[in-house]
């Protein structure tokens, strides 16, 4: 288990792997790799993964770096 805070609230929006891949402009396999590596938080429903929209936002915020 990780020490991440769980997604709370009824208004939490979950995205499919395909939606995340489209948003991030990467392949679905890249999203699966991020999930399995623990870089991207996800919830498993049966055989499918759903990614909280807040987890995608947090990942992208953490991916920014200052150049220059």
PDB file of N, CA and C in Angstrom:
ATOM      1  N   UNK A   1       0.834  -1.176   0.000  1.00  0.00           N
ATOM      2  CA  UNK A   1       0.000   0.000   0.000  1.00  0.00           C
ATOM      3  C   UNK A   1       0.884   1.246   0.000  1.00  0.00           C
ATOM      4  N   UNK A   2       0.320   2.333  -0.478  1.00  0.00           N
ATOM      5  CA  UNK A   2       1.070   3.574  -0.512  1.00  0.00           C
ATOM      6  C   UNK A   2       0.517   4.525   0.538  1.00  0.00           C
ATOM      7  N   UNK A   3       1.237   5.599   0.776  1.00  0.00           N
ATOM      8  CA  UNK A   3       0.795   6.577   1.762  1.00  0.00           C
ATOM      9  C   UNK A   3       0.010   7.705   1.121  1.00  0.00           C
ATOM     10  N   UNK A   4      -0.459   7.512  -0.085  1.00  0.00           N
ATOM     11  CA  UNK A   4      -1.250   8.541  -0.758  1.00  0.00           C
ATOM     12  C   UNK A   4      -2.617   8.660  -0.119  1.00  0.00           C
ATOM     13  N   UNK A   5      -3.150   9.861  -0.159  1.00  0.00           N
ATOM     14  CA  UNK A   5      -4.490  10.067   0.379  1.00  0.00           C
ATOM     15  C   UNK A   5      -5.511   9.541  -0.623  1.00  0.00           C
ATOM     16  N   UNK A   6      -6.551   8.873  -0.137  1.00  0.00           N
ATOM     17  CA  UNK A   6      -7.566   8.363  -1.058  1.00  0.00           C
ATOM     18  C   UNK A   6      -8.388   9.494  -1.655  1.00  0.00           C
ATOM     19  N   UNK A   7      -8.911   9.223  -2.837  1.00  0.00           N
ATOM     20  CA  UNK A   7      -9.797  10.181  -3.482  1.00  0.00           C
ATOM     21  C   UNK A   7     -11.107  10.155  -2.720  1.00  0.00           C
ATOM     22  N   UNK A   8     -11.589  11.306  -2.324  1.00  0.00           N
ATOM     23  CA  UNK A   8     -12.821  11.342  -1.553  1.00  0.00           C
ATOM     24  C   UNK A   8     -13.851  12.210  -2.251  1.00  0.00           C
ATOM     25  N   UNK A   9     -15.055  11.982  -1.895  1.00  0.00           N
ATOM     26  CA  UNK A   9     -16.140  12.800  -2.422  1.00  0.00           C
ATOM     27  C   UNK A   9     -16.872  12.109  -3.559  1.00  0.00           C
ATOM     28  N   UNK A  10     -18.115  12.422  -3.650  1.00  0.00           N
ATOM     29  CA  UNK A  10     -18.958  11.829  -4.688  1.00  0.00           C
ATOM     30  C   UNK A  10     -18.633  12.421  -6.044  1.00  0.00           C
ATOM     31  N   UNK A  11     -18.092  13.629  -6.074  1.00  0.00           N
ATOM     32  CA  UNK A  11     -17.819  14.309  -7.328  1.00  0.00           C
ATOM     33  C   UNK A  11     -16.495  13.915  -7.972  1.00  0.00           C
ATOM     34  N   UNK A  12     -15.794  12.920  -7.407  1.00  0.00           N
ATOM     35  CA  UNK A  12     -14.524  12.482  -7.981  1.00  0.00           C
ATOM     36  C   UNK A  12     -14.793  11.892  -9.362  1.00  0.00           C
ATOM     37  N   UNK A  13     -14.030  12.343 -10.350  1.00  0.00           N
ATOM     38  CA  UNK A  13     -14.217  11.866 -11.711  1.00  0.00           C
ATOM     39  C   UNK A  13     -13.093  10.891 -12.047  1.00  0.00           C
ATOM     40  N   UNK A  14     -13.460   9.743 -12.574  1.00  0.00           N
ATOM     41  CA  UNK A  14     -12.503   8.728 -12.952  1.00  0.00           C
ATOM     42  C   UNK A  14     -12.420   8.632 -14.467  1.00  0.00           C
ATOM     43  N   UNK A  15     -11.207   8.477 -14.968  1.00  0.00           N
ATOM     44  CA  UNK A  15     -10.965   8.393 -16.406  1.00  0.00           C
ATOM     45  C   UNK A  15     -10.491   6.992 -16.778  1.00  0.00           C
ATOM     46  N   UNK A  16     -10.818   6.566 -17.976  1.00  0.00           N
ATOM     47  CA  UNK A  16     -10.302   5.296 -18.468  1.00  0.00           C
ATOM     48  C   UNK A  16      -8.851   5.486 -18.892  1.00  0.00           C
ATOM     49  N   UNK A  17      -8.159   4.370 -19.094  1.00  0.00           N
ATOM     50  CA  UNK A  17      -6.775   4.423 -19.552  1.00  0.00           C
ATOM     51  C   UNK A  17      -6.707   5.119 -20.912  1.00  0.00           C
ATOM     52  N   UNK A  18      -7.655   4.841 -21.779  1.00  0.00           N
ATOM     53  CA  UNK A  18      -7.675   5.477 -23.102  1.00  0.00           C
ATOM     54  C   UNK A  18      -7.859   6.984 -22.989  1.00  0.00           C
ATOM     55  N   UNK A  19      -8.711   7.441 -22.079  1.00  0.00           N
ATOM     56  CA  UNK A  19      -8.917   8.873 -21.887  1.00  0.00           C
ATOM     57  C   UNK A  19      -7.654   9.544 -21.350  1.00  0.00           C
ATOM     58  N   UNK A  20      -6.981   8.878 -20.415  1.00  0.00           N
ATOM     59  CA  UNK A  20      -5.739   9.422 -19.864  1.00  0.00           C
ATOM     60  C   UNK A  20      -4.684   9.504 -20.962  1.00  0.00           C
ATOM     61  N   UNK A  21      -4.575   8.453 -21.760  1.00  0.00           N
ATOM     62  CA  UNK A  21      -3.597   8.435 -22.848  1.00  0.00           C
ATOM     63  C   UNK A  21      -3.860   9.573 -23.827  1.00  0.00           C
ATOM     64  N   UNK A  22      -5.106   9.804 -24.135  1.00  0.00           N
ATOM     65  CA  UNK A  22      -5.472  10.887 -25.052  1.00  0.00           C
ATOM     66  C   UNK A  22      -5.131  12.252 -24.452  1.00  0.00           C
ATOM     67  N   UNK A  23      -5.448  12.428 -23.170  1.00  0.00           N
ATOM     68  CA  UNK A  23      -5.154  13.686 -22.485  1.00  0.00           C
ATOM     69  C   UNK A  23      -3.659  13.975 -22.452  1.00  0.00           C
ATOM     70  N   UNK A  24      -2.872  12.947 -22.174  1.00  0.00           N
ATOM     71  CA  UNK A  24      -1.434  13.119 -22.031  1.00  0.00           C
ATOM     72  C   UNK A  24      -0.684  12.964 -23.356  1.00  0.00           C
ATOM     73  N   UNK A  25      -1.410  12.579 -24.389  1.00  0.00           N
ATOM     74  CA  UNK A  25      -0.828  12.354 -25.713  1.00  0.00           C
ATOM     75  C   UNK A  25       0.294  11.330 -25.692  1.00  0.00           C
ATOM     76  N   UNK A  26      -0.003  10.198 -25.028  1.00  0.00           N
ATOM     77  CA  UNK A  26       0.902   9.054 -24.993  1.00  0.00           C
ATOM     78  C   UNK A  26       0.082   7.815 -25.338  1.00  0.00           C
ATOM     79  N   UNK A  27       0.745   6.689 -25.481  1.00  0.00           N
ATOM     80  CA  UNK A  27       0.027   5.456 -25.785  1.00  0.00           C
ATOM     81  C   UNK A  27      -0.635   4.891 -24.532  1.00  0.00           C
ATOM     82  N   UNK A  28      -1.604   4.026 -24.729  1.00  0.00           N
ATOM     83  CA  UNK A  28      -2.247   3.364 -23.596  1.00  0.00           C
ATOM     84  C   UNK A  28      -1.228   2.523 -22.833  1.00  0.00           C
ATOM     85  N   UNK A  29      -0.291   1.901 -23.550  1.00  0.00           N
ATOM     86  CA  UNK A  29       0.731   1.092 -22.898  1.00  0.00           C
ATOM     87  C   UNK A  29       1.578   1.945 -21.961  1.00  0.00           C
ATOM     88  N   UNK A  30       1.869   3.191 -22.344  1.00  0.00           N
ATOM     89  CA  UNK A  30       2.632   4.089 -21.476  1.00  0.00           C
ATOM     90  C   UNK A  30       1.861   4.373 -20.188  1.00  0.00           C
ATOM     91  N   UNK A  31       0.560   4.530 -20.296  1.00  0.00           N
ATOM     92  CA  UNK A  31      -0.271   4.771 -19.107  1.00  0.00           C
ATOM     93  C   UNK A  31      -0.246   3.534 -18.209  1.00  0.00           C
ATOM     94  N   UNK A  32      -0.380   2.339 -18.805  1.00  0.00           N
ATOM     95  CA  UNK A  32      -0.314   1.107 -18.019  1.00  0.00           C
ATOM     96  C   UNK A  32       1.035   0.990 -17.312  1.00  0.00           C
ATOM     97  N   UNK A  33       2.115   1.358 -17.985  1.00  0.00           N
ATOM     98  CA  UNK A  33       3.447   1.310 -17.369  1.00  0.00           C
ATOM     99  C   UNK A  33       3.528   2.256 -16.177  1.00  0.00           C
ATOM    100  N   UNK A  34       2.978   3.469 -16.335  1.00  0.00           N
ATOM    101  CA  UNK A  34       2.985   4.436 -15.236  1.00  0.00           C
ATOM    102  C   UNK A  34       2.184   3.909 -14.045  1.00  0.00           C
ATOM    103  N   UNK A  35       1.061   3.270 -14.321  1.00  0.00           N
ATOM    104  CA  UNK A  35       0.229   2.716 -13.249  1.00  0.00           C
ATOM    105  C   UNK A  35       0.986   1.607 -12.519  1.00  0.00           C
ATOM    106  N   UNK A  36       1.543   0.671 -13.272  1.00  0.00           N
ATOM    107  CA  UNK A  36       2.230  -0.465 -12.660  1.00  0.00           C
ATOM    108  C   UNK A  36       3.516  -0.051 -11.950  1.00  0.00           C
ATOM    109  N   UNK A  37       4.141   1.032 -12.393  1.00  0.00           N
ATOM    110  CA  UNK A  37       5.359   1.529 -11.744  1.00  0.00           C
ATOM    111  C   UNK A  37       5.032   2.365 -10.506  1.00  0.00           C
ATOM    112  N   UNK A  38       3.750   2.658 -10.293  1.00  0.00           N
ATOM    113  CA  UNK A  38       3.359   3.456  -9.137  1.00  0.00           C
ATOM    114  C   UNK A  38       3.490   4.952  -9.358  1.00  0.00           C
ATOM    115  N   UNK A  39       3.747   5.354 -10.592  1.00  0.00           N
ATOM    116  CA  UNK A  39       3.883   6.779 -10.904  1.00  0.00           C
ATOM    117  C   UNK A  39       2.536   7.468 -11.038  1.00  0.00           C
ATOM    118  N   UNK A  40       1.508   6.691 -11.334  1.00  0.00           N
ATOM    119  CA  UNK A  40       0.165   7.237 -11.554  1.00  0.00           C
ATOM    120  C   UNK A  40      -0.819   6.412 -10.740  1.00  0.00           C
ATOM    121  N   UNK A  41      -1.559   7.082  -9.882  1.00  0.00           N
ATOM    122  CA  UNK A  41      -2.537   6.419  -9.027  1.00  0.00           C
ATOM    123  C   UNK A  41      -3.697   5.899  -9.880  1.00  0.00           C
ATOM    124  N   UNK A  42      -4.168   4.705  -9.559  1.00  0.00           N
ATOM    125  CA  UNK A  42      -5.299   4.131 -10.291  1.00  0.00           C
ATOM    126  C   UNK A  42      -6.074   3.184  -9.383  1.00  0.00           C
ATOM    127  N   UNK A  43      -7.318   2.951  -9.769  1.00  0.00           N
ATOM    128  CA  UNK A  43      -8.187   2.029  -9.065  1.00  0.00           C
ATOM    129  C   UNK A  43      -8.563   0.932 -10.044  1.00  0.00           C
ATOM    130  N   UNK A  44      -8.582  -0.290  -9.552  1.00  0.00           N
ATOM    131  CA  UNK A  44      -8.916  -1.401 -10.440  1.00  0.00           C
ATOM    132  C   UNK A  44     -10.376  -1.809 -10.229  1.00  0.00           C
ATOM    133  N   UNK A  45     -11.118  -1.852 -11.309  1.00  0.00           N
ATOM    134  CA  UNK A  45     -12.504  -2.321 -11.312  1.00  0.00           C
ATOM    135  C   UNK A  45     -12.544  -3.569 -12.170  1.00  0.00           C
ATOM    136  N   UNK A  46     -12.567  -4.730 -11.538  1.00  0.00           N
ATOM    137  CA  UNK A  46     -12.507  -5.967 -12.315  1.00  0.00           C
ATOM    138  C   UNK A  46     -11.166  -6.067 -13.012  1.00  0.00           C
ATOM    139  N   UNK A  47     -11.185  -6.122 -14.333  1.00  0.00           N
ATOM    140  CA  UNK A  47      -9.949  -6.186 -15.108  1.00  0.00           C
ATOM    141  C   UNK A  47      -9.537  -4.830 -15.654  1.00  0.00           C
ATOM    142  N   UNK A  48     -10.294  -3.801 -15.342  1.00  0.00           N
ATOM    143  CA  UNK A  48     -10.032  -2.469 -15.890  1.00  0.00           C
ATOM    144  C   UNK A  48      -9.484  -1.532 -14.831  1.00  0.00           C
ATOM    145  N   UNK A  49      -8.705  -0.567 -15.275  1.00  0.00           N
ATOM    146  CA  UNK A  49      -8.201   0.478 -14.397  1.00  0.00           C
ATOM    147  C   UNK A  49      -8.958   1.764 -14.655  1.00  0.00           C
ATOM    148  N   UNK A  50      -9.179   2.524 -13.590  1.00  0.00           N
ATOM    149  CA  UNK A  50      -9.722   3.864 -13.698  1.00  0.00           C
ATOM    150  C   UNK A  50      -8.767   4.784 -12.936  1.00  0.00           C
ATOM    151  N   UNK A  51      -8.507   5.926 -13.526  1.00  0.00           N
ATOM    152  CA  UNK A  51      -7.558   6.868 -12.945  1.00  0.00           C
ATOM    153  C   UNK A  51      -8.315   8.107 -12.499  1.00  0.00           C
ATOM    154  N   UNK A  52      -8.171   8.484 -11.221  1.00  0.00           N
ATOM    155  CA  UNK A  52      -8.837   9.709 -10.772  1.00  0.00           C
ATOM    156  C   UNK A  52      -8.270  10.913 -11.524  1.00  0.00           C
ATOM    157  N   UNK A  53      -9.151  11.802 -11.920  1.00  0.00           N
ATOM    158  CA  UNK A  53      -8.725  12.997 -12.650  1.00  0.00           C
ATOM    159  C   UNK A  53      -7.705  13.798 -11.832  1.00  0.00           C
ATOM    160  N   UNK A  54      -7.871  13.795 -10.521  1.00  0.00           N
ATOM    161  CA  UNK A  54      -6.933  14.510  -9.656  1.00  0.00           C
ATOM    162  C   UNK A  54      -5.535  13.898  -9.713  1.00  0.00           C
ATOM    163  N   UNK A  55      -5.453  12.583  -9.924  1.00  0.00           N
ATOM    164  CA  UNK A  55      -4.152  11.913 -10.027  1.00  0.00           C
ATOM    165  C   UNK A  55      -3.439  12.326 -11.310  1.00  0.00           C
ATOM    166  N   UNK A  56      -4.191  12.486 -12.393  1.00  0.00           N
ATOM    167  CA  UNK A  56      -3.604  12.939 -13.654  1.00  0.00           C
ATOM    168  C   UNK A  56      -3.083  14.363 -13.488  1.00  0.00           C
ATOM    169  N   UNK A  57      -3.891  15.227 -12.857  1.00  0.00           N
ATOM    170  CA  UNK A  57      -3.470  16.609 -12.615  1.00  0.00           C
ATOM    171  C   UNK A  57      -2.194  16.652 -11.774  1.00  0.00           C
ATOM    172  N   UNK A  58      -2.152  15.840 -10.720  1.00  0.00           N
ATOM    173  CA  UNK A  58      -0.981  15.817  -9.840  1.00  0.00           C
ATOM    174  C   UNK A  58       0.252  15.310 -10.586  1.00  0.00           C
ATOM    175  N   UNK A  59       0.082  14.287 -11.405  1.00  0.00           N
ATOM    176  CA  UNK A  59       1.212  13.751 -12.165  1.00  0.00           C
ATOM    177  C   UNK A  59       1.766  14.809 -13.116  1.00  0.00           C
ATOM    178  N   UNK A  60       0.883  15.492 -13.818  1.00  0.00           N
ATOM    179  CA  UNK A  60       1.321  16.500 -14.775  1.00  0.00           C
ATOM    180  C   UNK A  60       1.965  17.694 -14.073  1.00  0.00           C
ATOM    181  N   UNK A  61       1.427  18.092 -12.914  1.00  0.00           N
ATOM    182  CA  UNK A  61       2.037  19.183 -12.149  1.00  0.00           C
ATOM    183  C   UNK A  61       3.449  18.811 -11.715  1.00  0.00           C
ATOM    184  N   UNK A  62       3.631  17.560 -11.323  1.00  0.00           N
ATOM    185  CA  UNK A  62       4.946  17.097 -10.893  1.00  0.00           C
ATOM    186  C   UNK A  62       5.917  16.881 -12.036  1.00  0.00           C
ATOM    187  N   UNK A  63       5.414  16.802 -13.263  1.00  0.00           N
ATOM    188  CA  UNK A  63       6.265  16.542 -14.423  1.00  0.00           C
ATOM    189  C   UNK A  63       6.890  17.813 -14.961  1.00  0.00           C
ATOM    190  N   UNK A  64       6.384  18.965 -14.557  1.00  0.00           N
ATOM    191  CA  UNK A  64       6.942  20.226 -15.029  1.00  0.00           C
ATOM    192  C   UNK A  64       8.311  20.473 -14.410  1.00  0.00           C
ATOM    193  N   UNK A  65       9.190  21.033 -15.159  1.00  0.00           N
ATOM    194  CA  UNK A  65      10.475  21.448 -14.616  1.00  0.00           C
ATOM    195  C   UNK A  65      10.913  22.723 -15.285  1.00  0.00           C
ATOM    196  N   UNK A  66      11.717  23.475 -14.574  1.00  0.00           N
ATOM    197  CA  UNK A  66      12.167  24.781 -15.043  1.00  0.00           C
ATOM    198  C   UNK A  66      13.400  24.634 -15.934  1.00  0.00           C
ATOM    199  N   UNK A  67      13.307  25.171 -17.136  1.00  0.00           N
ATOM    200  CA  UNK A  67      14.451  25.157 -18.036  1.00  0.00           C
ATOM    201  C   UNK A  67      15.021  26.562 -18.149  1.00  0.00           C
ATOM    202  N   UNK A  68      16.263  26.629 -18.320  1.00  0.00           N
ATOM    203  CA  UNK A  68      16.806  27.946 -18.559  1.00  0.00           C
ATOM    204  C   UNK A  68      17.914  28.250 -17.682  1.00  0.00           C
TER     205      UNK A  68
END
